[in-house]
PDB file of N, CA and C in Angstrom:
ATOM      1  N   MET A   1       9.744   6.764  15.288  1.00  0.00           N
ATOM      2  CA  MET A   1       8.791   5.877  16.292  1.00  0.00           C
ATOM      3  C   MET A   1       8.615   4.418  15.733  1.00  0.00           C
ATOM      4  N   GLU A   2       8.971   3.663  16.400  1.00  0.00           N
ATOM      5  CA  GLU A   2       9.606   2.691  16.552  1.00  0.00           C
ATOM      6  C   GLU A   2       8.454   1.764  17.625  1.00  0.00           C
ATOM      7  N   MET A   3       7.071   0.806  16.538  1.00  0.00           N
ATOM      8  CA  MET A   3       6.380  -0.400  18.216  1.00  0.00           C
ATOM      9  C   MET A   3       7.117  -1.390  17.467  1.00  0.00           C
ATOM     10  N   CYS A   4       6.934  -1.839  19.044  1.00  0.00           N
ATOM     11  CA  CYS A   4       7.247  -3.231  19.454  1.00  0.00           C
ATOM     12  C   CYS A   4       5.725  -4.913  20.408  1.00  0.00           C
ATOM     13  N   LEU A   5       5.546  -5.125  19.450  1.00  0.00           N
ATOM     14  CA  LEU A   5       4.322  -6.403  20.238  1.00  0.00           C
ATOM     15  C   LEU A   5       4.467  -7.472  19.764  1.00  0.00           C
ATOM     16  N   GLY A   6       4.429  -8.206  21.143  1.00  0.00           N
ATOM     17  CA  GLY A   6       4.575  -9.478  20.664  1.00  0.00           C
ATOM     18  C   GLY A   6       2.648 -10.184  21.958  1.00  0.00           C
ATOM     19  N   ASN A   7       2.908 -11.355  21.197  1.00  0.00           N
ATOM     20  CA  ASN A   7       1.587 -11.618  22.529  1.00  0.00           C
ATOM     21  C   ASN A   7       1.510 -11.870  23.963  1.00  0.00           C
ATOM     22  N   ASP A   8       2.313 -12.407  25.025  1.00  0.00           N
ATOM     23  CA  ASP A   8       2.885 -12.398  25.910  1.00  0.00           C
ATOM     24  C   ASP A   8       3.881 -10.693  26.549  1.00  0.00           C
ATOM     25  N   LEU A   9       3.911  -9.551  25.594  1.00  0.00           N
ATOM     26  CA  LEU A   9       4.633  -9.227  25.977  1.00  0.00           C
ATOM     27  C   LEU A   9       3.834  -7.723  26.193  1.00  0.00           C
ATOM     28  N   PRO A  10       4.637  -6.540  26.931  1.00  0.00           N
ATOM     29  CA  PRO A  10       3.578  -5.603  26.739  1.00  0.00           C
ATOM     30  C   PRO A  10       3.915  -4.529  25.524  1.00  0.00           C
ATOM     31  N   LEU A  11       2.838  -3.297  25.323  1.00  0.00           N
ATOM     32  CA  LEU A  11       3.036  -3.052  23.669  1.00  0.00           C
ATOM     33  C   LEU A  11       4.523  -1.303  24.528  1.00  0.00           C
ATOM     34  N   ILE A  12       5.570  -1.931  23.480  1.00  0.00           N
ATOM     35  CA  ILE A  12       6.445  -1.265  23.545  1.00  0.00           C
ATOM     36  C   ILE A  12       6.686   0.299  22.885  1.00  0.00           C
ATOM     37  N   VAL A  13       6.877   1.473  23.044  1.00  0.00           N
ATOM     38  CA  VAL A  13       6.661   3.072  21.417  1.00  0.00           C
ATOM     39  C   VAL A  13       7.994   3.104  21.698  1.00  0.00           C
ATOM     40  N   LYS A  14       8.770   3.526  21.087  1.00  0.00           N
ATOM     41  CA  LYS A  14      10.154   4.541  21.120  1.00  0.00           C
ATOM     42  C   LYS A  14      10.135   5.275  20.632  1.00  0.00           C
ATOM     43  N   TYR A  15      10.395   6.652  21.172  1.00  0.00           N
ATOM     44  CA  TYR A  15      10.494   7.950  20.097  1.00  0.00           C
ATOM     45  C   TYR A  15      11.336   8.295  20.155  1.00  0.00           C
ATOM     46  N   ASP A  16      12.346   8.794  19.420  1.00  0.00           N
ATOM     47  CA  ASP A  16      13.745   9.821  18.619  1.00  0.00           C
ATOM     48  C   ASP A  16      13.298  10.960  19.017  1.00  0.00           C
ATOM     49  N   VAL A  17      13.774  11.568  19.810  1.00  0.00           N
ATOM     50  CA  VAL A  17      13.681  13.132  20.197  1.00  0.00           C
ATOM     51  C   VAL A  17      15.381  13.550  20.099  1.00  0.00           C
ATOM     52  N   ALA A  18      15.121  15.107  19.293  1.00  0.00           N
ATOM     53  CA  ALA A  18      16.938  15.672  19.011  1.00  0.00           C
ATOM     54  C   ALA A  18      17.241  15.997  20.221  1.00  0.00           C
ATOM     55  N   SER A  19      16.007  17.123  21.027  1.00  0.00           N
ATOM     56  CA  SER A  19      16.899  17.659  22.058  1.00  0.00           C
ATOM     57  C   SER A  19      16.890  16.372  23.383  1.00  0.00           C
ATOM     58  N   LEU A  20      16.758  15.358  23.356  1.00  0.00           N
ATOM     59  CA  LEU A  20      15.861  14.511  23.985  1.00  0.00           C
ATOM     60  C   LEU A  20      16.975  13.477  24.396  1.00  0.00           C
ATOM     61  N   GLY A  21      16.984  12.644  23.044  1.00  0.00           N
ATOM     62  CA  GLY A  21      17.451  11.376  23.047  1.00  0.00           C
ATOM     63  C   GLY A  21      15.920   9.938  22.821  1.00  0.00           C
ATOM     64  N   GLU A  22      16.047   9.882  23.530  1.00  0.00           N
ATOM     65  CA  GLU A  22      15.025   8.885  23.049  1.00  0.00           C
ATOM     66  C   GLU A  22      14.414   8.282  24.370  1.00  0.00           C
ATOM     67  N   ILE A  23      12.724   7.886  23.847  1.00  0.00           N
ATOM     68  CA  ILE A  23      11.529   7.970  25.225  1.00  0.00           C
ATOM     69  C   ILE A  23      11.023   6.665  24.660  1.00  0.00           C
ATOM     70  N   ARG A  24      10.971   6.147  26.323  1.00  0.00           N
ATOM     71  CA  ARG A  24      10.547   5.382  25.097  1.00  0.00           C
ATOM     72  C   ARG A  24       9.118   4.748  26.650  1.00  0.00           C
ATOM     73  N   LEU A  25       8.279   4.189  25.780  1.00  0.00           N
ATOM     74  CA  LEU A  25       6.741   4.180  26.938  1.00  0.00           C
ATOM     75  C   LEU A  25       6.157   2.022  26.504  1.00  0.00           C
ATOM     76  N   CYS A  26       6.006   1.578  27.756  1.00  0.00           N
ATOM     77  CA  CYS A  26       5.218   0.949  27.835  1.00  0.00           C
ATOM     78  C   CYS A  26       4.313   0.549  28.478  1.00  0.00           C
ATOM     79  N   LEU A  27       3.552  -0.273  27.345  1.00  0.00           N
ATOM     80  CA  LEU A  27       1.245  -0.171  28.720  1.00  0.00           C
ATOM     81  C   LEU A  27       1.810  -1.458  28.154  1.00  0.00           C
ATOM     82  N   ALA A  28       1.383  -2.260  29.842  1.00  0.00           N
ATOM     83  CA  ALA A  28       0.813  -3.674  30.268  1.00  0.00           C
ATOM     84  C   ALA A  28      -0.242  -3.633  30.730  1.00  0.00           C
ATOM     85  N   PRO A  29      -1.142  -4.653  30.216  1.00  0.00           N
ATOM     86  CA  PRO A  29      -2.394  -5.015  30.744  1.00  0.00           C
ATOM     87  C   PRO A  29      -2.060  -5.242  32.593  1.00  0.00           C
ATOM     88  N   LEU A  30      -3.216  -4.824  33.069  1.00  0.00           N
ATOM     89  CA  LEU A  30      -2.913  -4.976  35.158  1.00  0.00           C
ATOM     90  C   LEU A  30      -3.813  -6.419  34.790  1.00  0.00           C
ATOM     91  N   PRO A  31      -3.191  -7.262  35.932  1.00  0.00           N
ATOM     92  CA  PRO A  31      -3.331  -8.468  35.762  1.00  0.00           C
ATOM     93  C   PRO A  31      -4.689  -8.465  36.645  1.00  0.00           C
ATOM     94  N   PRO A  32      -5.302  -9.737  36.080  1.00  0.00           N
ATOM     95  CA  PRO A  32      -6.713  -9.397  37.226  1.00  0.00           C
ATOM     96  C   PRO A  32      -6.760  -9.803  37.950  1.00  0.00           C
ATOM     97  N   SER A  33      -7.816  -8.893  39.345  1.00  0.00           N
ATOM     98  CA  SER A  33      -7.564  -8.918  40.548  1.00  0.00           C
ATOM     99  C   SER A  33      -8.052 -10.431  41.246  1.00  0.00           C
TER     100      SER A  33
END
């Protein structure tokens, strides 16, 4: 599992799954409405 985090960037989580390859999840805050 690899996590990338920056001040103005979304949180990116990368999983390596043997049977599926790679899964990437990106989490970002919603802009104020």
